[in-house]
């Protein structure tokens, strides 16, 4: 899914080219009534294509020896230059930083470096494959960061699995990085790790399965509500699934102004409420779900998804891959012109066509071959670009809400907001500096920035850094310092 888009992105360098590709992509499944039948007809072909991609990934990974490398930022014209970059000249820089630790963001690349930290306990759809198995995925995340956000990301899979050990390790490596990105850590320990590190560290800590998914979901929700003539504060919202994505989505929506009582969460045992038989064990085993059980569901409903969905305006599913995880029955009980996000990958909880037949006006999924892809890659490169540019001490929920608002506004300003276009795509290059500058400005206003820059300055800075990263990659490709795939596949 992302690989196809990234390959397209790397080939495109102009706005006109981007629009051409976007247009051609839009015609692929123009008739939504034929989408599922087309999918079924292409299923064997697509399966074969996926197998080919897997084989190519093995071949290319072996040939290139990984996806990332370290490249100097400073000129080296002779060995004498090392007297500046290293000893004896470097001592003056070290002494200055020792006296004022914040200078590490000015005199070193810390300002633009983050680590992608994981224990490999929940990797994509592969499950607990361990730190070594997670390394190719973390390198992929680092590649996305560099190309879309201009961020230097370092993959750091660790052989530590207890929350306390991961927390301790993160505190040890804090001086090396401007931010920490947590990735593919299983629930519920991911909540403990994120919350603890947000309190302990003086740099931003981000968990993409929580904040990234929640941020792009909120952006999609803003525009879906506008299209269906609803308001965020008045809508009844059901969250089907109570893992990392939906717990984070619930918390972020509350930060955005949704009354907690208007949210109804449903897990594998039914609707969350304070009277559930397992409430005491929930308090001990998953305090984050427990807290939401206490303050959501003001009607104190109990039962299954059919009960929860009755009279609802929005249903956000982030549970188990479908296509029959969610049936049409609860959708038919929702209000007119209802909204459904079926976010499980690789197969949504219910096919979009079936959801439309059940009365949904707007349907979004996590897939690129259906309209309205809810894609984390629209959020995390720009958010981290923004917090790094102002040397932020954190990334609170208010900052993520700002990112979601800016993303939604951009989609509206494109002038083609519709039931099948509620979000921009990754080919809309402008979103990355726009969102990052809004994020940086919010950090400055909240008083958590080490560097005070205006929105205009932040936009210019982000545009420059991102463009430089793209230009560097393209130059390396043109000069064959990054060799073409055709040669790698021989």
Protein backbone atom coordinates (compact mmCIF):
# COMPACT_ATOMS: atom_id res chain seq x y z
CA UNK A 1 0.00 0.00 0.00
CA UNK A 2 2.48 2.62 1.12
CA UNK A 3 5.31 1.19 -0.98
CA UNK A 4 3.36 1.77 -4.19
CA UNK A 5 2.61 5.35 -3.20
CA UNK A 6 6.18 6.07 -2.15
CA UNK A 7 7.53 4.75 -5.45
CA UNK A 8 5.12 7.06 -7.25
CA UNK A 9 6.13 9.96 -5.02
CA UNK A 10 9.84 9.45 -5.72
CA UNK A 11 9.16 9.64 -9.45
CA UNK A 12 7.20 12.89 -9.13
CA UNK A 13 8.85 16.26 -8.57
CA UNK A 14 6.26 18.75 -9.79
CA UNK A 15 2.75 19.77 -8.83
CA UNK A 16 1.51 19.07 -12.35
CA UNK A 17 2.84 15.53 -12.25
CA UNK A 18 1.24 15.02 -8.84
CA UNK A 19 -2.12 16.12 -10.16
CA UNK A 20 -1.81 13.82 -13.17
CA UNK A 21 -1.13 10.78 -11.02
CA UNK A 22 -3.87 11.74 -8.56
CA UNK A 23 -6.34 12.01 -11.43
CA UNK A 24 -5.37 8.66 -12.90
CA UNK A 25 -5.60 7.03 -9.48
CA UNK A 26 -9.06 8.48 -9.02
CA UNK A 27 -10.37 6.89 -12.21
CA UNK A 28 -9.25 3.39 -11.24
CA UNK A 29 -12.37 2.76 -9.19
CA UNK A 30 -14.66 5.59 -10.22
CA UNK A 31 -17.82 3.53 -9.91
CA UNK A 32 -17.98 2.59 -6.24
CA UNK A 33 -20.78 0.10 -6.91
CA UNK A 34 -18.35 -2.02 -8.94
CA UNK A 35 -15.46 -1.75 -6.50
CA UNK A 36 -15.96 -4.99 -4.61
CA UNK A 37 -16.63 -7.01 -7.74
CA UNK A 38 -13.52 -5.52 -9.30
CA UNK A 39 -11.58 -6.43 -6.19
CA UNK A 40 -12.79 -10.02 -6.33
CA UNK A 41 -11.95 -10.25 -10.04
CA UNK A 42 -8.46 -8.91 -9.39
CA UNK A 43 -7.90 -10.88 -6.20
CA UNK A 44 -5.75 -13.59 -7.77
CA UNK A 45 -3.78 -11.03 -9.75
CA UNK A 46 -3.26 -8.79 -6.71
CA UNK A 47 -2.23 -11.77 -4.60
CA UNK A 48 0.38 -12.68 -7.19
CA UNK A 49 1.53 -9.06 -7.27
CA UNK A 50 1.95 -9.04 -3.50
CA UNK A 51 4.02 -12.22 -3.69
CA UNK A 52 6.22 -10.56 -6.30
CA UNK A 53 6.65 -7.55 -4.01
CA UNK A 54 7.69 -9.84 -1.20
CA UNK A 55 10.26 -11.57 -3.39
CA UNK A 56 11.58 -8.25 -4.64
CA UNK A 57 11.84 -6.97 -1.08
CA UNK A 58 14.12 -9.88 -0.22
CA UNK A 59 16.25 -9.38 -3.34
CA UNK A 60 16.54 -5.61 -2.92
CA UNK A 61 17.18 -5.75 0.83
CA UNK A 62 20.06 -8.15 0.29
CA UNK A 63 21.51 -6.07 -2.55
CA UNK A 64 21.32 -2.68 -0.81
CA UNK A 65 22.10 -4.00 2.67
CA UNK A 66 19.27 -2.00 4.24
CA UNK A 67 17.38 1.20 3.46
CA UNK A 68 19.30 3.89 5.36
CA UNK A 69 22.86 5.16 5.68
CA UNK A 70 24.74 8.04 7.34
CA UNK A 71 25.85 10.94 5.12
CA UNK A 72 27.99 13.89 6.32
CA UNK A 73 26.52 17.40 6.45
CA UNK A 74 29.85 19.26 6.52
CA UNK A 75 32.54 19.61 3.84
CA UNK A 76 35.76 17.65 4.12
CA UNK A 77 38.36 19.07 1.73
CA UNK A 78 41.44 17.71 3.49
CA UNK A 79 42.43 15.81 6.62
CA UNK A 80 43.13 19.16 8.27
CA UNK A 81 39.36 19.78 8.36
CA UNK A 82 39.08 17.09 11.01
CA UNK A 83 40.91 19.45 13.37
CA UNK A 84 37.69 21.50 13.26
CA UNK A 85 35.10 18.75 13.12
CA UNK A 86 36.96 16.58 15.62
CA UNK A 87 39.93 17.17 17.92
CA UNK A 88 41.17 19.68 18.92
CA UNK A 89 38.45 22.07 17.68
CA UNK A 90 35.51 19.98 18.83
CA UNK A 91 36.50 20.44 22.49
CA UNK A 92 35.23 24.03 22.44
CA UNK A 93 31.85 22.83 21.19
CA UNK A 94 31.64 20.10 23.82
CA UNK A 95 32.46 22.53 26.64
CA UNK A 96 29.79 24.95 25.45
CA UNK A 97 27.18 22.17 25.32
CA UNK A 98 28.25 20.88 28.74
CA UNK A 99 27.50 24.30 30.22
CA UNK A 100 24.16 24.65 28.41
CA UNK A 101 22.54 21.38 27.34
CA UNK A 102 20.08 23.16 25.04
CA UNK A 103 23.01 24.07 22.80
CA UNK A 104 23.09 20.40 21.79
CA UNK A 105 20.10 21.29 19.60
CA UNK A 106 22.11 24.08 17.93
CA UNK A 107 25.63 22.66 17.61
CA UNK A 108 24.78 19.04 16.72
CA UNK A 109 22.22 17.25 14.57
CA UNK A 110 20.16 16.45 17.65
CA UNK A 111 17.63 19.06 16.49
CA UNK A 112 16.78 16.91 13.47
CA UNK A 113 17.30 13.38 14.81
CA UNK A 114 14.85 10.99 16.40
CA UNK A 115 14.93 7.32 17.22
CA UNK A 116 12.29 4.81 16.17
CA UNK A 117 12.15 2.65 19.31
CA UNK A 118 10.46 -0.76 19.43
CA UNK A 119 10.61 -4.13 21.14
CA UNK A 120 9.06 -5.84 18.12
CA UNK A 121 6.06 -7.08 20.11
CA UNK A 122 3.37 -5.97 17.63
CA UNK A 123 4.83 -5.49 14.17
CA UNK A 124 2.36 -4.63 11.41
CA UNK A 125 0.17 -7.70 10.94
CA UNK A 126 3.01 -10.01 11.91
CA UNK A 127 2.58 -9.90 15.69
CA UNK A 128 5.41 -10.49 18.16
CA UNK A 129 8.38 -11.18 15.87
CA UNK A 130 11.02 -9.68 18.14
CA UNK A 131 13.46 -6.78 17.77
CA UNK A 132 15.56 -8.31 15.00
CA UNK A 133 12.48 -9.12 12.94
CA UNK A 134 11.22 -5.56 13.39
CA UNK A 135 14.38 -3.90 12.08
CA UNK A 136 13.37 -3.87 8.37
CA UNK A 137 10.07 -2.21 9.31
CA UNK A 138 11.77 0.40 11.49
CA UNK A 139 14.17 1.20 8.66
CA UNK A 140 11.14 1.66 6.42
CA UNK A 141 9.70 4.13 8.92
CA UNK A 142 13.02 5.99 8.91
CA UNK A 143 12.87 6.18 5.09
CA UNK A 144 9.38 7.71 5.23
CA UNK A 145 10.58 10.22 7.81
CA UNK A 146 13.48 11.31 5.61
CA UNK A 147 11.56 11.57 2.36
CA UNK A 148 8.37 13.19 3.61
CA UNK A 149 9.62 15.13 6.63
CA UNK A 150 13.35 15.63 6.11
CA UNK A 151 13.89 14.01 9.52
CA UNK A 152 16.95 11.87 10.28
CA UNK A 153 15.46 8.83 12.00
CA UNK A 154 17.47 5.99 13.52
CA UNK A 155 15.95 2.51 13.89
CA UNK A 156 16.46 1.25 17.47
CA UNK A 157 14.89 -2.19 18.08
CA UNK A 158 15.71 -3.28 21.64
CA UNK A 159 15.84 -6.61 23.40
CA UNK A 160 13.80 -5.31 26.33
CA UNK A 161 10.14 -6.19 26.72
CA UNK A 162 9.04 -5.13 30.20
CA UNK A 163 7.58 -1.59 30.21
CA UNK A 164 9.90 -0.43 33.00
CA UNK A 165 12.97 -1.59 31.08
CA UNK A 166 11.90 0.18 27.88
CA UNK A 167 11.14 3.33 29.86
CA UNK A 168 14.52 3.15 31.57
CA UNK A 169 16.32 2.60 28.28
CA UNK A 170 14.56 5.59 26.69
CA UNK A 171 15.66 7.85 29.55
CA UNK A 172 19.25 6.70 29.04
CA UNK A 173 19.34 7.56 25.35
CA UNK A 174 17.41 10.86 25.59
CA UNK A 175 20.57 13.04 25.24
CA UNK A 176 21.22 11.63 21.77
CA UNK A 177 17.87 12.54 20.20
CA UNK A 178 15.52 15.43 19.63
CA UNK A 179 12.47 13.14 19.87
CA UNK A 180 11.53 9.50 20.41
CA UNK A 181 9.07 7.68 18.16
CA UNK A 182 7.62 4.53 19.74
CA UNK A 183 6.54 1.95 17.19
CA UNK A 184 4.90 -1.49 17.12
CA UNK A 185 4.72 -2.05 20.87
CA UNK A 186 1.85 -4.23 22.07
CA UNK A 187 -1.13 -3.02 24.10
CA UNK A 188 -1.62 -2.25 26.96
CA UNK A 189 2.06 -1.73 27.80
CA UNK A 190 2.34 0.84 25.01
CA UNK A 191 0.07 3.15 27.06
CA UNK A 192 2.23 2.90 30.16
CA UNK A 193 5.41 3.50 28.19
CA UNK A 194 4.05 6.53 26.34
CA UNK A 195 2.46 8.18 29.38
CA UNK A 196 5.52 7.62 31.55
CA UNK A 197 7.97 8.93 28.98
CA UNK A 198 5.84 11.99 28.27
CA UNK A 199 6.16 12.86 31.95
CA UNK A 200 9.84 11.97 32.38
CA UNK A 201 11.54 13.25 29.24
CA UNK A 202 12.17 16.80 28.06
CA UNK A 203 11.83 15.89 24.37
CA UNK A 204 8.71 14.88 22.40
CA UNK A 205 7.63 11.24 22.66
CA UNK A 206 5.29 9.91 19.99
CA UNK A 207 3.58 6.54 19.56
CA UNK A 208 2.31 6.27 16.02
CA UNK A 209 -0.17 3.48 16.71
CA UNK A 210 -1.79 5.82 19.22
CA UNK A 211 -1.22 9.47 18.34
CA UNK A 212 -0.64 9.01 14.62
CA UNK A 213 -3.78 6.99 14.05
CA UNK A 214 -5.80 9.21 16.36
CA UNK A 215 -4.59 12.38 14.64
CA UNK A 216 -5.46 11.35 11.09
CA UNK A 217 -8.77 9.85 12.29
CA UNK A 218 -9.72 13.16 13.89
CA UNK A 219 -8.84 15.03 10.69
CA UNK A 220 -11.05 12.69 8.67
CA UNK A 221 -13.82 13.09 11.22
CA UNK A 222 -13.75 16.90 11.06
CA UNK A 223 -14.46 16.90 7.32
CA UNK A 224 -16.94 14.02 7.45
CA UNK A 225 -19.00 15.92 10.01
CA UNK A 226 -19.01 19.03 7.81
CA UNK A 227 -20.22 17.02 4.82
CA UNK A 228 -23.04 15.49 6.87
CA UNK A 229 -23.97 18.79 8.56
CA UNK A 230 -22.99 17.69 12.07
CA UNK A 231 -21.01 19.19 14.92
CA UNK A 232 -18.28 17.41 16.85
CA UNK A 233 -19.71 18.29 20.25
CA UNK A 234 -23.21 17.05 19.38
CA UNK A 235 -22.38 13.75 17.67
CA UNK A 236 -22.78 10.29 19.15
CA UNK A 237 -19.61 8.37 18.32
CA UNK A 238 -19.10 4.61 18.67
CA UNK A 239 -15.61 3.12 18.81
CA UNK A 240 -15.57 -0.55 17.83
CA UNK A 241 -12.40 -2.03 19.30
CA UNK A 242 -10.61 -0.85 22.44
CA UNK A 243 -6.95 -1.26 21.59
CA UNK A 244 -4.20 1.33 21.14
CA UNK A 245 -5.79 3.09 18.15
CA UNK A 246 -9.29 3.61 19.53
CA UNK A 247 -8.26 4.36 23.10
CA UNK A 248 -5.95 7.05 21.74
CA UNK A 249 -8.70 8.26 19.38
CA UNK A 250 -11.11 8.56 22.30
CA UNK A 251 -8.60 10.52 24.37
CA UNK A 252 -7.81 12.84 21.47
CA UNK A 253 -11.46 13.45 20.63
CA UNK A 254 -12.09 14.40 24.25
CA UNK A 255 -9.17 16.85 24.00
CA UNK A 256 -10.78 18.23 20.83
CA UNK A 257 -14.03 18.93 22.65
CA UNK A 258 -16.16 15.80 22.36
CA UNK A 259 -18.11 15.29 25.61
CA UNK A 260 -16.84 11.96 27.02
CA UNK A 261 -20.41 10.79 27.58
CA UNK A 262 -21.08 10.97 23.83
CA UNK A 263 -18.49 8.28 23.19
CA UNK A 264 -19.38 4.59 23.38
CA UNK A 265 -16.58 2.02 23.29
CA UNK A 266 -17.09 -1.62 22.41
CA UNK A 267 -14.51 -4.35 22.99
CA UNK A 268 -14.68 -8.10 22.51
CA UNK A 269 -16.90 -8.44 25.61
CA UNK A 270 -19.35 -5.68 24.72
CA UNK A 271 -19.96 -2.05 25.57
CA UNK A 272 -17.66 -0.46 28.12
CA UNK A 273 -19.47 0.85 31.17
CA UNK A 274 -18.85 1.23 34.88
CA UNK A 275 -21.17 -1.68 35.73
CA UNK A 276 -19.44 -4.38 33.70
CA UNK A 277 -18.63 -7.57 35.56
CA UNK A 278 -14.95 -7.30 34.66
CA UNK A 279 -14.55 -3.67 35.75
CA UNK A 280 -12.32 -4.55 38.73
CA UNK A 281 -9.96 -6.69 36.69
CA UNK A 282 -9.95 -4.00 34.00
CA UNK A 283 -8.80 -1.48 36.61
CA UNK A 284 -5.81 -3.70 37.43
CA UNK A 285 -4.92 -4.89 33.94
CA UNK A 286 -5.70 -1.90 31.71
CA UNK A 287 -6.27 1.34 33.59
CA UNK A 288 -6.56 3.29 30.34
CA UNK A 289 -9.56 1.28 29.20
CA UNK A 290 -10.90 1.40 32.77
CA UNK A 291 -10.79 5.21 32.84
CA UNK A 292 -12.75 5.39 29.60
CA UNK A 293 -15.28 2.87 30.92
CA UNK A 294 -15.99 5.26 33.77
CA UNK A 295 -16.40 8.48 31.82
CA UNK A 296 -17.82 7.44 28.43
CA UNK A 297 -21.30 6.07 27.64
CA UNK A 298 -23.42 8.55 29.58
CA UNK A 299 -26.53 6.45 28.82
CA UNK A 300 -24.91 3.47 30.60
CA UNK A 301 -25.74 1.18 27.73
CA UNK A 302 -24.79 -2.47 27.95
CA UNK A 303 -24.79 -5.14 25.29
CA UNK A 304 -23.14 -5.57 21.91
CA UNK A 305 -22.33 -3.40 18.91
CA UNK A 306 -25.96 -3.47 17.73
CA UNK A 307 -27.02 -1.75 20.96
CA UNK A 308 -24.15 0.74 20.82
CA UNK A 309 -24.75 1.72 17.18
CA UNK A 310 -28.46 2.46 17.55
CA UNK A 311 -28.92 6.18 16.92
CA UNK A 312 -25.19 6.82 16.45
CA UNK A 313 -23.76 9.32 14.00
CA UNK A 314 -20.26 7.90 13.67
CA UNK A 315 -18.72 4.43 14.00
CA UNK A 316 -14.94 4.12 14.13
CA UNK A 317 -13.78 0.52 13.83
CA UNK A 318 -10.18 -0.33 14.70
CA UNK A 319 -10.47 -3.95 15.72
CA UNK A 320 -9.73 -7.13 13.74
CA UNK A 321 -9.28 -7.46 9.97
CA UNK A 322 -12.49 -8.39 8.17
CA UNK A 323 -14.32 -8.50 5.93
CA UNK A 324 -16.94 -9.88 8.34
CA UNK A 325 -15.70 -8.53 11.67
CA UNK A 326 -18.48 -5.94 11.44
CA UNK A 327 -21.83 -6.86 9.93
CA UNK A 328 -24.35 -4.59 8.23
CA UNK A 329 -26.86 -5.08 11.07
CA UNK A 330 -25.54 -2.38 13.47
CA UNK A 331 -24.97 0.04 10.60
CA UNK A 332 -28.64 -0.07 9.68
CA UNK A 333 -29.48 1.10 13.22
CA UNK A 334 -27.38 4.27 12.93
CA UNK A 335 -28.73 7.71 12.12
CA UNK A 336 -29.31 8.87 8.55
CA UNK A 337 -26.18 9.90 6.60
CA UNK A 338 -23.96 8.12 9.13
CA UNK A 339 -20.16 7.93 8.98
CA UNK A 340 -18.07 4.75 9.14
CA UNK A 341 -14.30 4.40 9.42
CA UNK A 342 -13.30 0.74 9.01
CA UNK A 343 -9.57 0.98 9.64
CA UNK A 344 -8.24 -2.56 9.99
CA UNK A 345 -5.61 -3.68 7.49
CA UNK A 346 -5.12 -5.45 5.21
CA UNK A 347 -8.88 -6.01 5.03
CA UNK A 348 -11.36 -3.55 6.60
CA UNK A 349 -13.90 -4.83 9.11
CA UNK A 350 -16.56 -4.57 6.40
CA UNK A 351 -16.28 -3.88 2.66
CA UNK A 352 -17.14 -0.25 1.78
CA UNK A 353 -19.79 -1.29 -0.74
CA UNK A 354 -21.61 -3.35 1.84
CA UNK A 355 -21.42 -0.46 4.31
CA UNK A 356 -22.87 1.90 1.72
CA UNK A 357 -25.77 -0.46 1.09
CA UNK A 358 -26.42 -0.46 4.85
CA UNK A 359 -26.90 3.30 4.77
CA UNK A 360 -23.46 4.80 5.37
CA UNK A 361 -23.00 8.10 3.58
CA UNK A 362 -19.22 8.35 4.17
CA UNK A 363 -16.92 5.35 4.43
CA UNK A 364 -13.17 5.47 5.05
CA UNK A 365 -10.64 2.64 5.34
CA UNK A 366 -6.92 2.20 5.88
CA UNK A 367 -6.40 1.09 2.27
CA UNK A 368 -5.18 3.06 -0.72
CA UNK A 369 -7.38 1.20 -3.26
CA UNK A 370 -10.60 2.62 -1.79
CA UNK A 371 -11.56 6.28 -1.38
CA UNK A 372 -10.74 8.08 1.88
CA UNK A 373 -7.60 6.33 3.05
CA UNK A 374 -6.91 7.14 6.71
CA UNK A 375 -3.12 7.06 6.56
CA UNK A 376 -0.76 7.80 9.48
CA UNK A 377 1.88 8.96 7.01
CA UNK A 378 -0.15 12.14 6.53
CA UNK A 379 0.54 13.04 10.16
CA UNK A 380 3.72 11.77 11.78
CA UNK A 381 6.34 13.27 9.38
CA UNK A 382 4.84 16.76 9.69
CA UNK A 383 4.16 16.64 13.43
CA UNK A 384 7.71 15.58 14.19
CA UNK A 385 9.10 18.10 11.68
CA UNK A 386 7.24 20.82 13.56
CA UNK A 387 8.24 19.82 17.09
CA UNK A 388 11.88 19.34 16.04
CA UNK A 389 12.07 22.74 14.36
CA UNK A 390 11.14 24.52 17.60
CA UNK A 391 13.11 22.08 19.78
CA UNK A 392 9.90 21.28 21.66
CA UNK A 393 9.92 19.71 25.12
CA UNK A 394 6.90 17.57 24.27
CA UNK A 395 4.01 16.84 21.93
CA UNK A 396 0.79 17.22 23.98
CA UNK A 397 -2.62 16.21 22.67
CA UNK A 398 -3.44 19.86 21.92
CA UNK A 399 -0.61 19.87 19.37
CA UNK A 400 -2.01 16.76 17.68
CA UNK A 401 -5.46 18.35 17.54
CA UNK A 402 -3.85 21.33 15.79
CA UNK A 403 -2.26 18.99 13.24
CA UNK A 404 -5.61 17.29 12.61
CA UNK A 405 -7.35 20.64 12.14
CA UNK A 406 -4.70 21.84 9.68
CA UNK A 407 -4.90 18.59 7.71
CA UNK A 408 -8.68 18.88 7.48
CA UNK A 409 -8.50 22.54 6.46
CA UNK A 410 -6.06 21.72 3.67
CA UNK A 411 -8.45 19.12 2.24
CA UNK A 412 -11.24 21.71 2.24
CA UNK A 413 -9.06 24.34 0.58
CA UNK A 414 -8.29 21.92 -2.24
CA UNK A 415 -11.84 22.62 -3.37
CA UNK A 416 -12.86 19.03 -3.98
CA UNK A 417 -14.11 17.95 -0.57
CA UNK A 418 -16.67 15.21 -1.09
CA UNK A 419 -17.95 11.92 0.29
CA UNK A 420 -15.04 10.20 -1.42
CA UNK A 421 -12.40 12.83 -0.70
CA UNK A 422 -12.24 13.78 2.97
CA UNK A 423 -8.43 13.82 3.32
CA UNK A 424 -5.42 14.80 1.24
CA UNK A 425 -3.10 12.09 -0.06
CA UNK A 426 0.64 11.63 0.44
CA UNK A 427 1.18 13.14 -3.00
CA UNK A 428 -0.07 16.51 -1.75
CA UNK A 429 3.43 17.72 -0.82
CA UNK A 430 2.18 21.04 0.53
CA UNK A 431 0.58 19.45 3.59
CA UNK A 432 3.88 18.58 5.23
CA UNK A 433 5.31 22.11 5.71
CA UNK A 434 1.82 23.49 6.32
CA UNK A 435 1.01 21.05 9.11
CA UNK A 436 4.51 21.20 10.58
CA UNK A 437 4.45 25.00 10.77
CA UNK A 438 1.06 24.91 12.50
CA UNK A 439 2.43 22.35 14.97
CA UNK A 440 5.54 24.42 15.68
CA UNK A 441 3.48 27.56 16.18
CA UNK A 442 1.24 25.72 18.66
CA UNK A 443 4.28 24.55 20.65
CA UNK A 444 5.54 28.15 20.83
CA UNK A 445 2.15 29.39 22.04
CA UNK A 446 2.00 26.64 24.68
CA UNK A 447 5.42 27.62 26.01
CA UNK A 448 7.06 24.25 25.38
CA UNK A 449 9.38 25.40 22.56
CA UNK A 450 13.07 26.06 23.12
CA UNK A 451 13.17 28.14 19.95
CA UNK A 452 10.57 30.80 19.19
CA UNK A 453 9.80 31.07 15.50
CA UNK A 454 6.85 32.59 13.66
CA UNK A 455 4.49 30.56 11.50
CA UNK A 456 6.09 32.08 8.40
CA UNK A 457 9.60 31.22 9.59
CA UNK A 458 8.53 27.68 10.45
CA UNK A 459 6.93 27.14 7.06
CA UNK A 460 10.07 28.38 5.30
CA UNK A 461 12.32 26.21 7.48
CA UNK A 462 10.23 23.05 7.00
CA UNK A 463 9.96 23.59 3.25
CA UNK A 464 13.72 24.03 3.00
CA UNK A 465 14.57 20.95 5.06
CA UNK A 466 12.08 18.68 3.29
CA UNK A 467 13.08 19.91 -0.16
CA UNK A 468 16.76 19.40 0.66
CA UNK A 469 16.08 15.81 1.71
CA UNK A 470 14.21 15.06 -1.52
CA UNK A 471 16.90 16.75 -3.61
CA UNK A 472 19.63 14.76 -1.88
CA UNK A 473 17.83 11.47 -2.52
CA UNK A 474 17.18 12.38 -6.16
CA UNK A 475 20.80 13.47 -6.65
CA UNK A 476 22.11 10.23 -5.18
CA UNK A 477 19.82 8.33 -7.54
CA UNK A 478 20.76 10.37 -10.60
CA UNK A 479 24.47 9.87 -9.94
CA UNK A 480 23.90 6.16 -9.20
CA UNK A 481 25.36 6.51 -5.71
CA UNK A 482 22.01 4.94 -4.97
CA UNK A 483 21.93 2.33 -7.69
CA UNK A 484 18.71 1.77 -9.67
CA UNK A 485 16.38 -1.07 -8.82
CA UNK A 486 16.99 -2.57 -12.26
CA UNK A 487 20.60 -3.22 -11.35
CA UNK A 488 19.69 -4.51 -7.91
CA UNK A 489 17.29 -7.03 -9.39
CA UNK A 490 19.81 -8.67 -11.69
